[in-house]
Amino acid sequence: MAALDLFGRRGTLRVLWELRGETPLTFRALQAASELPPATLNTRLRELRQAGLVEADGGYRLARLGEELLPALQPLNDWAVIWARSRERVKPRSKSKSTGEP
C-alpha cells in the first residue's frame, strides 16, 4: 500500500518515466520534461530518493530499485495505450442545437 500511495502522488510516475534513460537529468531538464512545478518536483525527488528509487549523482537517475520497477510497470503502460486508443474511438456526443437532444 505504501508503494501505491507513493505512485499515486502527482507527478511521481512521470518523474520515473522521464528518468528511464541512461543519461542522468539535471533538475532543470527533468522539470522541463515532466512539466511539474519546481516545488512539486523537489518534493517528488525527495520522496523517490528516500524510497530508494532515484539517486542523484551528477544529475538524477533511477537507482537499481527504480530500474527494477520499470518492467513491473510495463503491463500498466501497455494497458494504458490500449485504453487511450479506445477512448479516441468513443467521442462524446454533442447535443443538437435544433432539437436539444443528443
N, C-alpha and C. Protein backbone atom coordinates (compact mmCIF):
# COMPACT_ATOMS: atom_id res chain seq x y z
N MET A 1 0.82 -1.20 0.00
CA MET A 1 0.00 0.00 0.00
C MET A 1 0.86 1.26 0.00
N ALA A 2 2.01 1.20 0.66
CA ALA A 2 2.89 2.37 0.68
C ALA A 2 3.39 2.70 -0.72
N ALA A 3 3.69 1.68 -1.51
CA ALA A 3 4.14 1.91 -2.88
C ALA A 3 3.03 2.54 -3.71
N LEU A 4 1.80 2.03 -3.57
CA LEU A 4 0.69 2.61 -4.32
C LEU A 4 0.43 4.05 -3.90
N ASP A 5 0.60 4.34 -2.63
CA ASP A 5 0.46 5.71 -2.16
C ASP A 5 1.51 6.61 -2.82
N LEU A 6 2.75 6.15 -2.86
CA LEU A 6 3.83 6.92 -3.48
C LEU A 6 3.56 7.12 -4.97
N PHE A 7 3.19 6.05 -5.68
CA PHE A 7 2.97 6.14 -7.12
C PHE A 7 1.76 6.99 -7.47
N GLY A 8 0.81 7.09 -6.55
CA GLY A 8 -0.39 7.86 -6.81
C GLY A 8 -0.23 9.36 -6.62
N ARG A 9 0.89 9.78 -6.11
CA ARG A 9 1.11 11.21 -5.90
C ARG A 9 1.40 11.89 -7.23
N ARG A 10 0.89 13.09 -7.34
CA ARG A 10 1.01 13.86 -8.58
C ARG A 10 2.46 13.92 -9.06
N GLY A 11 2.67 13.45 -10.27
CA GLY A 11 3.98 13.57 -10.91
C GLY A 11 4.95 12.45 -10.64
N THR A 12 4.67 11.56 -9.70
CA THR A 12 5.63 10.52 -9.36
C THR A 12 5.92 9.61 -10.54
N LEU A 13 4.89 9.06 -11.16
CA LEU A 13 5.11 8.17 -12.29
C LEU A 13 5.75 8.91 -13.46
N ARG A 14 5.42 10.18 -13.64
CA ARG A 14 6.03 10.97 -14.71
C ARG A 14 7.52 11.12 -14.49
N VAL A 15 7.92 11.39 -13.25
CA VAL A 15 9.36 11.52 -12.94
C VAL A 15 10.07 10.20 -13.23
N LEU A 16 9.51 9.10 -12.78
CA LEU A 16 10.11 7.80 -13.04
C LEU A 16 10.22 7.55 -14.54
N TRP A 17 9.19 7.91 -15.28
CA TRP A 17 9.19 7.72 -16.73
C TRP A 17 10.30 8.54 -17.38
N GLU A 18 10.43 9.77 -16.98
CA GLU A 18 11.44 10.65 -17.58
C GLU A 18 12.86 10.21 -17.24
N LEU A 19 13.03 9.52 -16.14
CA LEU A 19 14.36 9.06 -15.72
C LEU A 19 14.71 7.68 -16.26
N ARG A 20 13.88 7.12 -17.13
CA ARG A 20 14.11 5.76 -17.61
C ARG A 20 15.33 5.65 -18.52
N GLY A 21 15.83 6.74 -19.07
CA GLY A 21 17.00 6.70 -19.94
C GLY A 21 18.28 6.47 -19.16
N GLU A 22 19.37 6.28 -19.87
CA GLU A 22 20.65 6.01 -19.23
C GLU A 22 21.36 7.28 -18.77
N THR A 23 21.03 8.41 -19.37
CA THR A 23 21.71 9.66 -19.05
C THR A 23 21.01 10.36 -17.88
N PRO A 24 21.76 10.69 -16.83
CA PRO A 24 21.17 11.43 -15.71
C PRO A 24 20.64 12.79 -16.20
N LEU A 25 19.59 13.26 -15.58
CA LEU A 25 19.00 14.55 -15.93
C LEU A 25 19.22 15.57 -14.83
N THR A 26 19.51 16.79 -15.21
CA THR A 26 19.59 17.87 -14.24
C THR A 26 18.18 18.19 -13.77
N PHE A 27 18.09 18.92 -12.68
CA PHE A 27 16.78 19.32 -12.17
C PHE A 27 16.03 20.09 -13.25
N ARG A 28 16.72 21.01 -13.90
CA ARG A 28 16.08 21.85 -14.93
C ARG A 28 15.57 21.00 -16.10
N ALA A 29 16.38 20.05 -16.55
CA ALA A 29 15.97 19.19 -17.66
C ALA A 29 14.79 18.30 -17.25
N LEU A 30 14.83 17.81 -16.03
CA LEU A 30 13.74 16.97 -15.54
C LEU A 30 12.46 17.79 -15.37
N GLN A 31 12.60 19.02 -14.93
CA GLN A 31 11.42 19.87 -14.79
C GLN A 31 10.80 20.16 -16.15
N ALA A 32 11.64 20.46 -17.14
CA ALA A 32 11.12 20.73 -18.48
C ALA A 32 10.43 19.49 -19.06
N ALA A 33 11.02 18.33 -18.86
CA ALA A 33 10.45 17.09 -19.40
C ALA A 33 9.16 16.69 -18.69
N SER A 34 9.13 16.86 -17.39
CA SER A 34 7.96 16.42 -16.62
C SER A 34 6.85 17.46 -16.55
N GLU A 35 7.20 18.72 -16.83
CA GLU A 35 6.25 19.83 -16.76
C GLU A 35 5.65 20.01 -15.38
N LEU A 36 6.42 19.64 -14.35
CA LEU A 36 5.96 19.81 -12.96
C LEU A 36 6.49 21.13 -12.41
N PRO A 37 5.72 21.77 -11.54
CA PRO A 37 6.23 22.97 -10.87
C PRO A 37 7.46 22.60 -10.04
N PRO A 38 8.41 23.52 -9.88
CA PRO A 38 9.64 23.22 -9.16
C PRO A 38 9.41 22.66 -7.75
N ALA A 39 8.48 23.22 -7.01
CA ALA A 39 8.24 22.75 -5.64
C ALA A 39 7.73 21.30 -5.64
N THR A 40 6.84 20.99 -6.57
CA THR A 40 6.31 19.62 -6.66
C THR A 40 7.40 18.65 -7.05
N LEU A 41 8.21 19.04 -8.05
CA LEU A 41 9.30 18.17 -8.48
C LEU A 41 10.29 17.94 -7.36
N ASN A 42 10.63 18.98 -6.63
CA ASN A 42 11.54 18.86 -5.49
C ASN A 42 11.01 17.85 -4.47
N THR A 43 9.73 17.97 -4.17
CA THR A 43 9.11 17.06 -3.20
C THR A 43 9.13 15.62 -3.71
N ARG A 44 8.76 15.42 -4.98
CA ARG A 44 8.75 14.06 -5.53
C ARG A 44 10.15 13.46 -5.57
N LEU A 45 11.13 14.25 -5.95
CA LEU A 45 12.51 13.74 -5.97
C LEU A 45 12.97 13.35 -4.57
N ARG A 46 12.63 14.15 -3.58
CA ARG A 46 12.99 13.82 -2.21
C ARG A 46 12.33 12.51 -1.78
N GLU A 47 11.04 12.36 -2.08
CA GLU A 47 10.32 11.14 -1.73
C GLU A 47 10.89 9.92 -2.45
N LEU A 48 11.19 10.08 -3.73
CA LEU A 48 11.72 8.96 -4.51
C LEU A 48 13.14 8.59 -4.08
N ARG A 49 13.91 9.57 -3.66
CA ARG A 49 15.25 9.27 -3.14
C ARG A 49 15.13 8.54 -1.80
N GLN A 50 14.23 8.99 -0.95
CA GLN A 50 14.04 8.32 0.35
C GLN A 50 13.54 6.90 0.16
N ALA A 51 12.77 6.66 -0.90
CA ALA A 51 12.24 5.33 -1.18
C ALA A 51 13.27 4.44 -1.86
N GLY A 52 14.41 5.01 -2.23
CA GLY A 52 15.47 4.23 -2.86
C GLY A 52 15.26 3.98 -4.35
N LEU A 53 14.37 4.76 -4.98
CA LEU A 53 14.09 4.58 -6.40
C LEU A 53 14.89 5.51 -7.29
N VAL A 54 15.32 6.63 -6.75
CA VAL A 54 16.07 7.63 -7.51
C VAL A 54 17.32 7.98 -6.75
N GLU A 55 18.37 8.28 -7.49
CA GLU A 55 19.61 8.75 -6.87
C GLU A 55 20.10 9.98 -7.61
N ALA A 56 20.87 10.79 -6.91
CA ALA A 56 21.44 11.99 -7.51
C ALA A 56 22.95 11.86 -7.51
N ASP A 57 23.50 11.74 -8.70
CA ASP A 57 24.94 11.61 -8.86
C ASP A 57 25.30 12.23 -10.19
N GLY A 58 25.59 13.52 -10.18
CA GLY A 58 25.82 14.22 -11.44
C GLY A 58 24.53 14.42 -12.21
N GLY A 59 23.44 14.45 -11.53
CA GLY A 59 22.11 14.54 -12.11
C GLY A 59 21.23 13.46 -11.48
N TYR A 60 19.98 13.48 -11.82
CA TYR A 60 19.04 12.50 -11.27
C TYR A 60 18.93 11.31 -12.22
N ARG A 61 18.90 10.12 -11.65
CA ARG A 61 18.76 8.89 -12.41
C ARG A 61 18.06 7.86 -11.54
N LEU A 62 17.58 6.82 -12.18
CA LEU A 62 16.95 5.74 -11.43
C LEU A 62 18.03 4.96 -10.67
N ALA A 63 17.73 4.64 -9.44
CA ALA A 63 18.57 3.74 -8.67
C ALA A 63 18.25 2.31 -9.12
N ARG A 64 18.98 1.35 -8.64
CA ARG A 64 18.76 -0.04 -9.03
C ARG A 64 17.30 -0.46 -8.81
N LEU A 65 16.73 -0.09 -7.66
CA LEU A 65 15.32 -0.44 -7.40
C LEU A 65 14.38 0.24 -8.39
N GLY A 66 14.70 1.46 -8.77
CA GLY A 66 13.90 2.16 -9.76
C GLY A 66 13.96 1.49 -11.11
N GLU A 67 15.14 1.03 -11.48
CA GLU A 67 15.29 0.30 -12.76
C GLU A 67 14.52 -1.01 -12.73
N GLU A 68 14.53 -1.67 -11.58
CA GLU A 68 13.79 -2.93 -11.45
C GLU A 68 12.28 -2.72 -11.47
N LEU A 69 11.85 -1.52 -11.14
CA LEU A 69 10.43 -1.21 -11.14
C LEU A 69 9.87 -1.08 -12.56
N LEU A 70 10.67 -0.59 -13.50
CA LEU A 70 10.18 -0.33 -14.85
C LEU A 70 9.53 -1.54 -15.51
N PRO A 71 10.13 -2.73 -15.49
CA PRO A 71 9.44 -3.88 -16.10
C PRO A 71 8.11 -4.22 -15.41
N ALA A 72 8.02 -3.93 -14.13
CA ALA A 72 6.77 -4.19 -13.41
C ALA A 72 5.67 -3.22 -13.86
N LEU A 73 6.06 -2.02 -14.27
CA LEU A 73 5.09 -1.02 -14.71
C LEU A 73 4.72 -1.18 -16.19
N GLN A 74 5.50 -1.94 -16.95
CA GLN A 74 5.26 -2.08 -18.38
C GLN A 74 3.86 -2.60 -18.71
N PRO A 75 3.34 -3.62 -18.01
CA PRO A 75 1.96 -4.05 -18.32
C PRO A 75 0.94 -2.93 -18.11
N LEU A 76 1.13 -2.09 -17.12
CA LEU A 76 0.23 -0.96 -16.92
C LEU A 76 0.33 0.01 -18.09
N ASN A 77 1.54 0.26 -18.56
CA ASN A 77 1.73 1.14 -19.71
C ASN A 77 1.06 0.55 -20.95
N ASP A 78 1.23 -0.75 -21.16
CA ASP A 78 0.60 -1.41 -22.31
C ASP A 78 -0.91 -1.26 -22.25
N TRP A 79 -1.48 -1.48 -21.08
CA TRP A 79 -2.92 -1.34 -20.90
C TRP A 79 -3.35 0.11 -21.15
N ALA A 80 -2.57 1.07 -20.67
CA ALA A 80 -2.91 2.48 -20.82
C ALA A 80 -2.95 2.89 -22.30
N VAL A 81 -2.06 2.33 -23.10
CA VAL A 81 -2.06 2.61 -24.54
C VAL A 81 -3.35 2.10 -25.17
N ILE A 82 -3.73 0.88 -24.83
CA ILE A 82 -4.97 0.30 -25.35
C ILE A 82 -6.17 1.13 -24.90
N TRP A 83 -6.17 1.50 -23.65
CA TRP A 83 -7.28 2.30 -23.10
C TRP A 83 -7.38 3.65 -23.81
N ALA A 84 -6.23 4.31 -24.01
CA ALA A 84 -6.24 5.62 -24.68
C ALA A 84 -6.78 5.50 -26.10
N ARG A 85 -6.38 4.46 -26.80
CA ARG A 85 -6.89 4.25 -28.17
C ARG A 85 -8.39 4.01 -28.16
N SER A 86 -8.88 3.28 -27.19
CA SER A 86 -10.32 3.01 -27.12
C SER A 86 -11.09 4.30 -26.83
N ARG A 87 -10.49 5.19 -26.07
CA ARG A 87 -11.15 6.46 -25.74
C ARG A 87 -11.19 7.37 -26.96
N GLU A 88 -10.21 7.25 -27.86
CA GLU A 88 -10.20 8.05 -29.08
C GLU A 88 -11.36 7.67 -29.98
N ARG A 89 -11.76 6.40 -29.96
CA ARG A 89 -12.86 5.94 -30.80
C ARG A 89 -14.22 6.30 -30.21
N VAL A 90 -14.27 6.55 -28.92
CA VAL A 90 -15.53 6.89 -28.26
C VAL A 90 -15.56 8.40 -28.07
N LYS A 91 -16.17 9.08 -29.03
CA LYS A 91 -16.26 10.54 -28.97
C LYS A 91 -17.51 10.93 -28.18
N PRO A 92 -17.39 11.96 -27.34
CA PRO A 92 -18.60 12.41 -26.62
C PRO A 92 -19.65 12.89 -27.62
N ARG A 93 -20.87 12.58 -27.31
CA ARG A 93 -21.96 13.01 -28.17
C ARG A 93 -22.28 14.46 -27.87
N SER A 94 -22.47 15.23 -28.92
CA SER A 94 -22.87 16.62 -28.71
C SER A 94 -24.36 16.75 -28.91
N LYS A 95 -24.93 17.67 -28.18
CA LYS A 95 -26.37 17.88 -28.29
C LYS A 95 -26.67 18.70 -29.54
N SER A 96 -27.72 18.32 -30.20
CA SER A 96 -28.16 19.07 -31.38
C SER A 96 -28.79 20.36 -30.90
N LYS A 97 -28.40 21.46 -31.50
CA LYS A 97 -28.93 22.75 -31.09
C LYS A 97 -30.39 22.91 -31.52
N SER A 98 -30.74 22.27 -32.61
CA SER A 98 -32.10 22.45 -33.10
C SER A 98 -33.14 21.68 -32.27
N THR A 99 -32.81 20.48 -31.83
CA THR A 99 -33.80 19.68 -31.13
C THR A 99 -33.53 19.62 -29.64
N GLY A 100 -32.28 19.93 -29.23
CA GLY A 100 -31.94 19.83 -27.81
C GLY A 100 -31.70 18.42 -27.38
N GLU A 101 -31.71 17.46 -28.32
CA GLU A 101 -31.48 16.05 -27.98
C GLU A 101 -30.11 15.62 -28.48
N PRO A 102 -29.59 14.57 -27.86
CA PRO A 102 -28.29 14.06 -28.32
C PRO A 102 -28.34 13.49 -29.72
